PDB file of N, CA and C in Angstrom:
ATOM      1  N   UNK A   1       0.723  -2.401 -12.987  1.00  0.00           N
ATOM      2  CA  UNK A   1       0.510  -2.152 -11.670  1.00  0.00           C
ATOM      3  C   UNK A   1      -0.290  -1.312 -11.352  1.00  0.00           C
ATOM      4  N   UNK A   2      -0.755  -0.359 -12.074  1.00  0.00           N
ATOM      5  CA  UNK A   2      -1.492   0.776 -11.466  1.00  0.00           C
ATOM      6  C   UNK A   2      -3.371  -0.060 -11.566  1.00  0.00           C
ATOM      7  N   UNK A   3      -3.378  -0.876 -12.774  1.00  0.00           N
ATOM      8  CA  UNK A   3      -4.471  -1.520 -13.080  1.00  0.00           C
ATOM      9  C   UNK A   3      -4.480  -2.160 -11.814  1.00  0.00           C
ATOM     10  N   UNK A   4      -3.592  -3.226 -11.570  1.00  0.00           N
ATOM     11  CA  UNK A   4      -3.886  -3.880 -10.260  1.00  0.00           C
ATOM     12  C   UNK A   4      -4.386  -3.422  -9.059  1.00  0.00           C
ATOM     13  N   UNK A   5      -3.950  -2.375  -8.835  1.00  0.00           N
ATOM     14  CA  UNK A   5      -4.523  -1.103  -7.545  1.00  0.00           C
ATOM     15  C   UNK A   5      -5.496  -0.961  -7.740  1.00  0.00           C
ATOM     16  N   UNK A   6      -6.196  -0.554  -9.042  1.00  0.00           N
ATOM     17  CA  UNK A   6      -7.317  -0.313  -8.939  1.00  0.00           C
ATOM     18  C   UNK A   6      -8.264  -1.644  -8.847  1.00  0.00           C
ATOM     19  N   UNK A   7      -7.800  -2.366  -9.316  1.00  0.00           N
ATOM     20  CA  UNK A   7      -8.705  -3.811  -9.318  1.00  0.00           C
ATOM     21  C   UNK A   7      -8.745  -4.112  -7.973  1.00  0.00           C
ATOM     22  N   UNK A   8      -8.074  -4.046  -6.800  1.00  0.00           N
ATOM     23  CA  UNK A   8      -7.827  -4.461  -5.693  1.00  0.00           C
ATOM     24  C   UNK A   8      -9.048  -3.781  -5.273  1.00  0.00           C
ATOM     25  N   UNK A   9      -9.343  -2.552  -5.211  1.00  0.00           N
ATOM     26  CA  UNK A   9     -10.206  -1.670  -4.357  1.00  0.00           C
ATOM     27  C   UNK A   9     -11.717  -2.117  -5.033  1.00  0.00           C
ATOM     28  N   UNK A  10     -11.639  -2.486  -6.178  1.00  0.00           N
ATOM     29  CA  UNK A  10     -12.441  -2.969  -7.196  1.00  0.00           C
ATOM     30  C   UNK A  10     -13.306  -4.191  -6.105  1.00  0.00           C
ATOM     31  N   UNK A  11     -12.359  -5.169  -5.806  1.00  0.00           N
ATOM     32  CA  UNK A  11     -12.634  -6.475  -5.923  1.00  0.00           C
ATOM     33  C   UNK A  11     -12.889  -6.607  -4.227  1.00  0.00           C
ATOM     34  N   UNK A  12     -12.477  -5.745  -3.408  1.00  0.00           N
ATOM     35  CA  UNK A  12     -12.219  -5.317  -1.987  1.00  0.00           C
ATOM     36  C   UNK A  12     -13.620  -4.422  -1.483  1.00  0.00           C
ATOM     37  N   UNK A  13     -14.333  -4.531  -2.414  1.00  0.00           N
ATOM     38  CA  UNK A  13     -15.590  -3.849  -2.171  1.00  0.00           C
ATOM     39  C   UNK A  13     -15.594  -2.217  -1.600  1.00  0.00           C
ATOM     40  N   UNK A  14     -14.159  -1.867  -2.364  1.00  0.00           N
ATOM     41  CA  UNK A  14     -13.814  -0.060  -1.758  1.00  0.00           C
ATOM     42  C   UNK A  14     -13.710  -0.092  -0.355  1.00  0.00           C
ATOM     43  N   UNK A  15     -12.621  -1.430   0.260  1.00  0.00           N
ATOM     44  CA  UNK A  15     -11.888  -1.287   1.568  1.00  0.00           C
ATOM     45  C   UNK A  15     -10.535  -1.183   1.548  1.00  0.00           C
ATOM     46  N   UNK A  16     -10.156  -1.582   0.443  1.00  0.00           N
ATOM     47  CA  UNK A  16      -8.307  -1.308   0.456  1.00  0.00           C
ATOM     48  C   UNK A  16      -7.843  -1.613  -0.859  1.00  0.00           C
ATOM     49  N   UNK A  17      -6.510  -0.866  -0.902  1.00  0.00           N
ATOM     50  CA  UNK A  17      -5.727  -0.659  -2.442  1.00  0.00           C
ATOM     51  C   UNK A  17      -4.585  -1.513  -1.939  1.00  0.00           C
ATOM     52  N   UNK A  18      -4.198  -2.521  -2.809  1.00  0.00           N
ATOM     53  CA  UNK A  18      -2.768  -2.969  -2.861  1.00  0.00           C
ATOM     54  C   UNK A  18      -1.763  -2.126  -3.919  1.00  0.00           C
ATOM     55  N   UNK A  19      -0.842  -1.267  -3.102  1.00  0.00           N
ATOM     56  CA  UNK A  19      -0.001  -0.803  -4.200  1.00  0.00           C
ATOM     57  C   UNK A  19       1.605  -0.676  -3.811  1.00  0.00           C
ATOM     58  N   UNK A  20       2.448  -0.019  -4.141  1.00  0.00           N
ATOM     59  CA  UNK A  20       3.792   0.284  -4.168  1.00  0.00           C
ATOM     60  C   UNK A  20       4.423  -1.322  -4.294  1.00  0.00           C
ATOM     61  N   UNK A  21       3.757  -1.828  -4.844  1.00  0.00           N
ATOM     62  CA  UNK A  21       4.487  -3.590  -5.375  1.00  0.00           C
ATOM     63  C   UNK A  21       5.740  -3.482  -6.427  1.00  0.00           C
ATOM     64  N   UNK A  22       6.856  -4.158  -5.965  1.00  0.00           N
ATOM     65  CA  UNK A  22       7.789  -4.261  -7.087  1.00  0.00           C
ATOM     66  C   UNK A  22       7.770  -5.451  -7.804  1.00  0.00           C
ATOM     67  N   UNK A  23       8.356  -5.545  -8.674  1.00  0.00           N
ATOM     68  CA  UNK A  23       8.035  -6.272  -9.757  1.00  0.00           C
ATOM     69  C   UNK A  23       9.488  -6.872 -10.285  1.00  0.00           C
ATOM     70  N   UNK A  24       9.691  -7.840 -10.207  1.00  0.00           N
ATOM     71  CA  UNK A  24      10.690  -8.847 -11.160  1.00  0.00           C
ATOM     72  C   UNK A  24      10.089  -9.472 -12.316  1.00  0.00           C
ATOM     73  N   UNK A  25      10.543  -9.909 -13.488  1.00  0.00           N
ATOM     74  CA  UNK A  25      10.026 -10.671 -14.596  1.00  0.00           C
ATOM     75  C   UNK A  25      11.335 -11.604 -14.934  1.00  0.00           C
ATOM     76  N   UNK A  26      10.943 -12.849 -15.025  1.00  0.00           N
ATOM     77  CA  UNK A  26      11.978 -13.754 -15.214  1.00  0.00           C
ATOM     78  C   UNK A  26      11.405 -14.868 -16.078  1.00  0.00           C
ATOM     79  N   UNK A  27      12.283 -15.759 -16.674  1.00  0.00           N
ATOM     80  CA  UNK A  27      11.831 -16.457 -17.822  1.00  0.00           C
ATOM     81  C   UNK A  27      10.913 -17.289 -17.648  1.00  0.00           C
ATOM     82  N   UNK A  28      10.854 -17.794 -16.194  1.00  0.00           N
ATOM     83  CA  UNK A  28      10.066 -18.689 -15.806  1.00  0.00           C
ATOM     84  C   UNK A  28       8.359 -18.177 -15.252  1.00  0.00           C
ATOM     85  N   UNK A  29       8.443 -16.632 -14.886  1.00  0.00           N
ATOM     86  CA  UNK A  29       7.352 -16.003 -14.273  1.00  0.00           C
ATOM     87  C   UNK A  29       7.764 -14.780 -13.575  1.00  0.00           C
ATOM     88  N   UNK A  30       6.829 -14.363 -13.090  1.00  0.00           N
ATOM     89  CA  UNK A  30       6.918 -12.656 -12.654  1.00  0.00           C
ATOM     90  C   UNK A  30       7.081 -13.093 -10.709  1.00  0.00           C
ATOM     91  N   UNK A  31       7.590 -12.354 -10.112  1.00  0.00           N
ATOM     92  CA  UNK A  31       7.679 -11.985  -8.825  1.00  0.00           C
ATOM     93  C   UNK A  31       7.264 -10.767  -8.345  1.00  0.00           C
ATOM     94  N   UNK A  32       6.205 -10.729  -7.735  1.00  0.00           N
ATOM     95  CA  UNK A  32       5.941  -9.399  -6.671  1.00  0.00           C
ATOM     96  C   UNK A  32       6.397  -9.534  -5.372  1.00  0.00           C
ATOM     97  N   UNK A  33       6.729  -8.292  -4.934  1.00  0.00           N
ATOM     98  CA  UNK A  33       7.476  -8.240  -3.775  1.00  0.00           C
ATOM     99  C   UNK A  33       7.048  -6.842  -3.141  1.00  0.00           C
ATOM    100  N   UNK A  34       7.081  -6.433  -1.758  1.00  0.00           N
ATOM    101  CA  UNK A  34       6.922  -5.281  -1.146  1.00  0.00           C
ATOM    102  C   UNK A  34       5.667  -4.901  -1.358  1.00  0.00           C
ATOM    103  N   UNK A  35       4.528  -5.249  -0.802  1.00  0.00           N
ATOM    104  CA  UNK A  35       3.733  -4.620  -1.092  1.00  0.00           C
ATOM    105  C   UNK A  35       2.919  -3.810  -0.261  1.00  0.00           C
ATOM    106  N   UNK A  36       2.068  -2.999  -0.514  1.00  0.00           N
ATOM    107  CA  UNK A  36       1.925  -1.785   0.534  1.00  0.00           C
ATOM    108  C   UNK A  36       0.353  -2.110   0.353  1.00  0.00           C
ATOM    109  N   UNK A  37      -0.518  -2.032   1.575  1.00  0.00           N
ATOM    110  CA  UNK A  37      -2.139  -2.242   1.457  1.00  0.00           C
ATOM    111  C   UNK A  37      -2.611  -1.094   2.242  1.00  0.00           C
ATOM    112  N   UNK A  38      -3.363  -0.315   1.636  1.00  0.00           N
ATOM    113  CA  UNK A  38      -3.910   0.652   2.264  1.00  0.00           C
ATOM    114  C   UNK A  38      -5.559   0.343   2.441  1.00  0.00           C
ATOM    115  N   UNK A  39      -5.922   0.588   3.723  1.00  0.00           N
ATOM    116  CA  UNK A  39      -7.577   0.342   3.653  1.00  0.00           C
ATOM    117  C   UNK A  39      -7.958   1.309   4.319  1.00  0.00           C
ATOM    118  N   UNK A  40      -9.553   0.976   4.592  1.00  0.00           N
ATOM    119  CA  UNK A  40     -10.437   2.195   5.156  1.00  0.00           C
ATOM    120  C   UNK A  40     -10.121   1.833   6.831  1.00  0.00           C
ATOM    121  N   UNK A  41     -10.032   0.934   7.062  1.00  0.00           N
ATOM    122  CA  UNK A  41      -9.841   0.343   8.659  1.00  0.00           C
ATOM    123  C   UNK A  41      -8.342   0.777   9.361  1.00  0.00           C
ATOM    124  N   UNK A  42      -7.200   1.011   8.199  1.00  0.00           N
ATOM    125  CA  UNK A  42      -5.952   1.357   8.827  1.00  0.00           C
ATOM    126  C   UNK A  42      -5.330  -0.035   9.458  1.00  0.00           C
ATOM    127  N   UNK A  43      -5.862  -0.785   9.494  1.00  0.00           N
ATOM    128  CA  UNK A  43      -5.279  -2.404   9.759  1.00  0.00           C
ATOM    129  C   UNK A  43      -4.002  -3.087   9.289  1.00  0.00           C
ATOM    130  N   UNK A  44      -3.483  -2.465   8.578  1.00  0.00           N
ATOM    131  CA  UNK A  44      -1.995  -3.058   7.925  1.00  0.00           C
ATOM    132  C   UNK A  44      -0.680  -2.561   8.060  1.00  0.00           C
ATOM    133  N   UNK A  45      -0.901  -1.888   9.215  1.00  0.00           N
ATOM    134  CA  UNK A  45       0.462  -1.943   9.537  1.00  0.00           C
ATOM    135  C   UNK A  45       0.649   0.051   9.292  1.00  0.00           C
ATOM    136  N   UNK A  46       2.071   0.301   9.610  1.00  0.00           N
ATOM    137  CA  UNK A  46       2.365   1.710   9.631  1.00  0.00           C
ATOM    138  C   UNK A  46       2.414   2.334   8.087  1.00  0.00           C
ATOM    139  N   UNK A  47       2.558   1.373   7.183  1.00  0.00           N
ATOM    140  CA  UNK A  47       2.577   1.956   5.673  1.00  0.00           C
ATOM    141  C   UNK A  47       0.871   2.208   5.188  1.00  0.00           C
ATOM    142  N   UNK A  48       0.146   1.796   6.081  1.00  0.00           N
ATOM    143  CA  UNK A  48      -1.041   2.137   5.734  1.00  0.00           C
ATOM    144  C   UNK A  48      -1.747   2.907   5.882  1.00  0.00           C
ATOM    145  N   UNK A  49      -2.078   3.972   4.733  1.00  0.00           N
ATOM    146  CA  UNK A  49      -2.165   5.535   4.715  1.00  0.00           C
ATOM    147  C   UNK A  49      -3.732   5.792   4.953  1.00  0.00           C
ATOM    148  N   UNK A  50      -4.619   4.607   5.098  1.00  0.00           N
ATOM    149  CA  UNK A  50      -5.830   4.499   5.541  1.00  0.00           C
ATOM    150  C   UNK A  50      -6.448   5.299   3.767  1.00  0.00           C
ATOM    151  N   UNK A  51      -7.926   5.901   4.389  1.00  0.00           N
ATOM    152  CA  UNK A  51      -8.521   6.776   3.507  1.00  0.00           C
ATOM    153  C   UNK A  51      -8.028   8.002   2.651  1.00  0.00           C
ATOM    154  N   UNK A  52      -6.985   8.452   3.496  1.00  0.00           N
ATOM    155  CA  UNK A  52      -6.088   9.297   2.963  1.00  0.00           C
ATOM    156  C   UNK A  52      -5.324   8.936   1.710  1.00  0.00           C
ATOM    157  N   UNK A  53      -4.830   7.747   1.955  1.00  0.00           N
ATOM    158  CA  UNK A  53      -3.759   7.035   1.113  1.00  0.00           C
ATOM    159  C   UNK A  53      -4.687   7.158  -0.162  1.00  0.00           C
ATOM    160  N   UNK A  54      -5.525   6.013   0.016  1.00  0.00           N
ATOM    161  CA  UNK A  54      -6.631   5.416  -1.009  1.00  0.00           C
ATOM    162  C   UNK A  54      -7.178   6.754  -1.725  1.00  0.00           C
ATOM    163  N   UNK A  55      -7.618   8.056  -1.169  1.00  0.00           N
ATOM    164  CA  UNK A  55      -7.917   9.185  -2.158  1.00  0.00           C
ATOM    165  C   UNK A  55      -6.749   9.723  -2.641  1.00  0.00           C
ATOM    166  N   UNK A  56      -5.847   9.430  -2.466  1.00  0.00           N
ATOM    167  CA  UNK A  56      -4.233   9.871  -3.161  1.00  0.00           C
ATOM    168  C   UNK A  56      -4.031   9.046  -4.248  1.00  0.00           C
ATOM    169  N   UNK A  57      -4.197   7.897  -3.996  1.00  0.00           N
ATOM    170  CA  UNK A  57      -3.840   6.701  -5.100  1.00  0.00           C
ATOM    171  C   UNK A  57      -4.754   7.417  -6.285  1.00  0.00           C
ATOM    172  N   UNK A  58      -6.095   7.410  -6.248  1.00  0.00           N
ATOM    173  CA  UNK A  58      -6.904   7.989  -7.237  1.00  0.00           C
ATOM    174  C   UNK A  58      -6.900   9.251  -7.831  1.00  0.00           C
ATOM    175  N   UNK A  59      -6.527  10.059  -6.850  1.00  0.00           N
ATOM    176  CA  UNK A  59      -6.114  11.536  -7.398  1.00  0.00           C
ATOM    177  C   UNK A  59      -5.018  11.272  -8.466  1.00  0.00           C
ATOM    178  N   UNK A  60      -4.319  10.734  -8.519  1.00  0.00           N
ATOM    179  CA  UNK A  60      -2.963  10.368  -9.263  1.00  0.00           C
ATOM    180  C   UNK A  60      -3.471   9.422 -10.184  1.00  0.00           C
ATOM    181  N   UNK A  61      -3.982   8.499 -10.299  1.00  0.00           N
ATOM    182  CA  UNK A  61      -3.995   7.400 -11.337  1.00  0.00           C
ATOM    183  C   UNK A  61      -5.262   7.884 -12.626  1.00  0.00           C
ATOM    184  N   UNK A  62      -4.443   7.245 -13.469  1.00  0.00           N
ATOM    185  CA  UNK A  62      -5.294   7.441 -14.903  1.00  0.00           C
ATOM    186  C   UNK A  62      -5.600   6.037 -15.301  1.00  0.00           C
ATOM    187  N   UNK A  63      -6.845   5.848 -15.620  1.00  0.00           N
ATOM    188  CA  UNK A  63      -6.930   4.449 -16.330  1.00  0.00           C
ATOM    189  C   UNK A  63      -6.411   4.056 -17.300  1.00  0.00           C
ATOM    190  N   UNK A  64      -6.046   2.823 -17.468  1.00  0.00           N
ATOM    191  CA  UNK A  64      -5.509   2.444 -18.627  1.00  0.00           C
ATOM    192  C   UNK A  64      -6.102   1.518 -19.304  1.00  0.00           C
ATOM    193  N   UNK A  65      -5.680   0.718 -20.575  1.00  0.00           N
ATOM    194  CA  UNK A  65      -6.139  -0.426 -21.141  1.00  0.00           C
ATOM    195  C   UNK A  65      -6.535  -1.492 -20.123  1.00  0.00           C
ATOM    196  N   UNK A  66      -5.941  -1.973 -19.098  1.00  0.00           N
ATOM    197  CA  UNK A  66      -5.993  -2.665 -18.699  1.00  0.00           C
ATOM    198  C   UNK A  66      -7.296  -2.706 -17.518  1.00  0.00           C
ATOM    199  N   UNK A  67      -7.440  -1.642 -16.834  1.00  0.00           N
ATOM    200  CA  UNK A  67      -8.658  -1.147 -16.067  1.00  0.00           C
ATOM    201  C   UNK A  67      -9.836  -1.429 -17.009  1.00  0.00           C
ATOM    202  N   UNK A  68     -11.025  -1.883 -16.300  1.00  0.00           N
ATOM    203  CA  UNK A  68     -12.278  -2.070 -16.568  1.00  0.00           C
ATOM    204  C   UNK A  68     -13.285  -0.520 -16.424  1.00  0.00           C
ATOM    205  N   UNK A  69     -13.983  -0.525 -17.088  1.00  0.00           N
ATOM    206  CA  UNK A  69     -15.073   0.868 -16.864  1.00  0.00           C
ATOM    207  C   UNK A  69     -15.918   0.595 -15.610  1.00  0.00           C
ATOM    208  N   UNK A  70     -16.141  -0.524 -15.407  1.00  0.00           N
ATOM    209  CA  UNK A  70     -17.345  -0.817 -14.518  1.00  0.00           C
ATOM    210  C   UNK A  70     -16.595  -1.098 -12.856  1.00  0.00           C
ATOM    211  N   UNK A  71     -15.435  -0.973 -13.250  1.00  0.00           N
ATOM    212  CA  UNK A  71     -14.530  -0.844 -11.803  1.00  0.00           C
ATOM    213  C   UNK A  71     -14.796   0.009 -11.017  1.00  0.00           C
ATOM    214  N   UNK A  72     -15.247  -0.396  -9.740  1.00  0.00           N
ATOM    215  CA  UNK A  72     -15.398   0.600  -8.544  1.00  0.00           C
ATOM    216  C   UNK A  72     -14.268   1.733  -8.383  1.00  0.00           C
ATOM    217  N   UNK A  73     -14.650   3.017  -8.703  1.00  0.00           N
ATOM    218  CA  UNK A  73     -13.983   4.173  -8.184  1.00  0.00           C
ATOM    219  C   UNK A  73     -13.952   5.070  -7.357  1.00  0.00           C
ATOM    220  N   UNK A  74     -13.528   5.938  -6.698  1.00  0.00           N
ATOM    221  CA  UNK A  74     -13.760   7.038  -6.194  1.00  0.00           C
ATOM    222  C   UNK A  74     -14.321   8.239  -7.055  1.00  0.00           C
ATOM    223  N   UNK A  75     -15.352   8.832  -6.785  1.00  0.00           N
ATOM    224  CA  UNK A  75     -15.727   9.920  -7.634  1.00  0.00           C
ATOM    225  C   UNK A  75     -15.194  11.199  -7.739  1.00  0.00           C
ATOM    226  N   UNK A  76     -14.616  11.714  -6.328  1.00  0.00           N
ATOM    227  CA  UNK A  76     -13.890  12.873  -6.350  1.00  0.00           C
ATOM    228  C   UNK A  76     -12.712  12.821  -5.450  1.00  0.00           C
ATOM    229  N   UNK A  77     -11.701  12.086  -5.723  1.00  0.00           N
ATOM    230  CA  UNK A  77     -10.415  11.891  -4.730  1.00  0.00           C
ATOM    231  C   UNK A  77      -9.776  13.098  -4.974  1.00  0.00           C
ATOM    232  N   UNK A  78      -9.277  13.127  -3.475  1.00  0.00           N
ATOM    233  CA  UNK A  78      -8.151  14.430  -2.912  1.00  0.00           C
ATOM    234  C   UNK A  78      -7.082  13.757  -2.718  1.00  0.00           C
ATOM    235  N   UNK A  79      -6.158  14.688  -3.392  1.00  0.00           N
ATOM    236  CA  UNK A  79      -4.780  13.990  -3.279  1.00  0.00           C
ATOM    237  C   UNK A  79      -4.184  14.712  -1.988  1.00  0.00           C
ATOM    238  N   UNK A  80      -3.467  13.983  -1.331  1.00  0.00           N
ATOM    239  CA  UNK A  80      -2.744  14.716   0.363  1.00  0.00           C
ATOM    240  C   UNK A  80      -1.393  14.474  -0.102  1.00  0.00           C
ATOM    241  N   UNK A  81      -0.691  15.390   0.453  1.00  0.00           N
ATOM    242  CA  UNK A  81       0.782  15.780   0.113  1.00  0.00           C
ATOM    243  C   UNK A  81       1.549  15.158   1.741  1.00  0.00           C
ATOM    244  N   UNK A  82       2.144  14.189   1.542  1.00  0.00           N
ATOM    245  CA  UNK A  82       2.763  13.457   2.678  1.00  0.00           C
ATOM    246  C   UNK A  82       4.304  13.725   2.889  1.00  0.00           C
ATOM    247  N   UNK A  83       4.901  14.595   1.993  1.00  0.00           N
ATOM    248  CA  UNK A  83       6.157  15.080   2.381  1.00  0.00           C
ATOM    249  C   UNK A  83       6.618  15.738   3.412  1.00  0.00           C
ATOM    250  N   UNK A  84       7.465  14.817   4.365  1.00  0.00           N
ATOM    251  CA  UNK A  84       7.891  15.620   5.550  1.00  0.00           C
ATOM    252  C   UNK A  84       9.318  15.532   5.744  1.00  0.00           C
ATOM    253  N   UNK A  85       9.675  16.077   6.575  1.00  0.00           N
ATOM    254  CA  UNK A  85      11.378  15.984   6.436  1.00  0.00           C
ATOM    255  C   UNK A  85      11.460  14.889   7.554  1.00  0.00           C
ATOM    256  N   UNK A  86      12.807  14.068   6.933  1.00  0.00           N
ATOM    257  CA  UNK A  86      13.025  13.186   7.617  1.00  0.00           C
ATOM    258  C   UNK A  86      12.067  11.808   7.064  1.00  0.00           C
ATOM    259  N   UNK A  87      11.421  10.949   7.979  1.00  0.00           N
ATOM    260  CA  UNK A  87      10.789   9.766   7.199  1.00  0.00           C
ATOM    261  C   UNK A  87       9.556   9.934   7.465  1.00  0.00           C
ATOM    262  N   UNK A  88       8.429   9.450   6.297  1.00  0.00           N
ATOM    263  CA  UNK A  88       7.030   9.353   6.641  1.00  0.00           C
ATOM    264  C   UNK A  88       6.455   8.235   7.347  1.00  0.00           C
ATOM    265  N   UNK A  89       7.332   7.597   7.837  1.00  0.00           N
ATOM    266  CA  UNK A  89       7.335   6.132   8.709  1.00  0.00           C
ATOM    267  C   UNK A  89       6.338   6.451   9.844  1.00  0.00           C
ATOM    268  N   UNK A  90       5.359   6.325  10.276  1.00  0.00           N
ATOM    269  CA  UNK A  90       4.819   6.289  11.763  1.00  0.00           C
ATOM    270  C   UNK A  90       5.942   5.721  12.818  1.00  0.00           C
ATOM    271  N   UNK A  91       5.698   6.033  14.236  1.00  0.00           N
ATOM    272  CA  UNK A  91       6.645   5.256  15.355  1.00  0.00           C
ATOM    273  C   UNK A  91       5.861   3.888  15.686  1.00  0.00           C
ATOM    274  N   UNK A  92       6.581   3.073  15.383  1.00  0.00           N
ATOM    275  CA  UNK A  92       5.858   1.690  16.003  1.00  0.00           C
ATOM    276  C   UNK A  92       6.664   0.834  16.876  1.00  0.00           C
ATOM    277  N   UNK A  93       6.036   0.864  18.388  1.00  0.00           N
ATOM    278  CA  UNK A  93       6.752   0.825  19.301  1.00  0.00           C
ATOM    279  C   UNK A  93       7.478  -1.246  19.114  1.00  0.00           C
ATOM    280  N   UNK A  94       8.559  -1.744  19.125  1.00  0.00           N
ATOM    281  CA  UNK A  94       8.605  -2.397  19.055  1.00  0.00           C
ATOM    282  C   UNK A  94       9.234  -3.376  20.607  1.00  0.00           C
ATOM    283  N   UNK A  95       9.388  -4.737  20.415  1.00  0.00           N
ATOM    284  CA  UNK A  95       9.452  -5.241  21.820  1.00  0.00           C
ATOM    285  C   UNK A  95      10.867  -6.103  21.462  1.00  0.00           C
ATOM    286  N   UNK A  96      11.525  -6.713  22.526  1.00  0.00           N
ATOM    287  CA  UNK A  96      12.475  -7.676  22.047  1.00  0.00           C
ATOM    288  C   UNK A  96      12.123  -9.072  22.384  1.00  0.00           C
ATOM    289  N   UNK A  97      12.052  -9.536  21.417  1.00  0.00           N
ATOM    290  CA  UNK A  97      11.502 -10.867  21.233  1.00  0.00           C
ATOM    291  C   UNK A  97      12.257 -12.028  21.956  1.00  0.00           C
ATOM    292  N   UNK A  98      13.431 -12.071  22.321  1.00  0.00           N
ATOM    293  CA  UNK A  98      14.762 -12.549  22.794  1.00  0.00           C
ATOM    294  C   UNK A  98      15.800 -12.031  23.882  1.00  0.00           C
ATOM    295  N   UNK A  99      15.221 -11.295  24.439  1.00  0.00           N
ATOM    296  CA  UNK A  99      16.112 -10.752  25.707  1.00  0.00           C
ATOM    297  C   UNK A  99      17.238 -11.237  26.104  1.00  0.00           C
ATOM    298  N   UNK A 100      16.988 -12.641  26.360  1.00  0.00           N
ATOM    299  CA  UNK A 100      18.154 -13.398  27.018  1.00  0.00           C
ATOM    300  C   UNK A 100      18.966 -13.882  26.007  1.00  0.00           C
ATOM    301  N   UNK A 101      19.129 -13.659  24.701  1.00  0.00           N
ATOM    302  CA  UNK A 101      20.269 -13.834  23.675  1.00  0.00           C
ATOM    303  C   UNK A 101      20.683 -12.688  23.554  1.00  0.00           C
ATOM    304  N   UNK A 102      20.785 -11.571  23.797  1.00  0.00           N
ATOM    305  CA  UNK A 102      21.559 -10.031  23.504  1.00  0.00           C
ATOM    306  C   UNK A 102      22.729 -10.529  23.732  1.00  0.00           C
ATOM    307  N   UNK A 103      23.832  -9.963  23.200  1.00  0.00           N
ATOM    308  CA  UNK A 103      25.008  -9.970  23.377  1.00  0.00           C
ATOM    309  C   UNK A 103      25.300 -10.069  24.765  1.00  0.00           C
ATOM    310  N   UNK A 104      24.745  -8.833  25.347  1.00  0.00           N
ATOM    311  CA  UNK A 104      25.468  -8.735  26.877  1.00  0.00           C
ATOM    312  C   UNK A 104      24.659 -10.093  27.808  1.00  0.00           C
ATOM    313  N   UNK A 105      24.209 -10.831  27.288  1.00  0.00           N
ATOM    314  CA  UNK A 105      24.052 -11.987  27.913  1.00  0.00           C
ATOM    315  C   UNK A 105      25.025 -13.575  27.860  1.00  0.00           C
ATOM    316  N   UNK A 106      25.691 -13.184  26.983  1.00  0.00           N
ATOM    317  CA  UNK A 106      26.346 -14.446  26.498  1.00  0.00           C
ATOM    318  C   UNK A 106      27.586 -14.321  26.994  1.00  0.00           C
TER     319      UNK A 106
END
């Protein structure tokens, strides 16, 4: 999965990293779920940690036999520490999509 993340950075022209992918291997194939995309533009929701997240990925990434030496990488990546008490998720306001269908309206 590390090579897939590295490849996503290369193929996106250093604009994003696909990471945190969960995987299930079955007789008839592989299923990938729960992806996180980190982008320079921070346009992929609350789990998109932007350039800091991309830097952190490369600060901890070690190329393996699946990575190609010509793939784009960061020259001097900086690792960031996201450890906080509680959650690392940002607050994202939500809106009720069907207020008339709530239990109080029945």
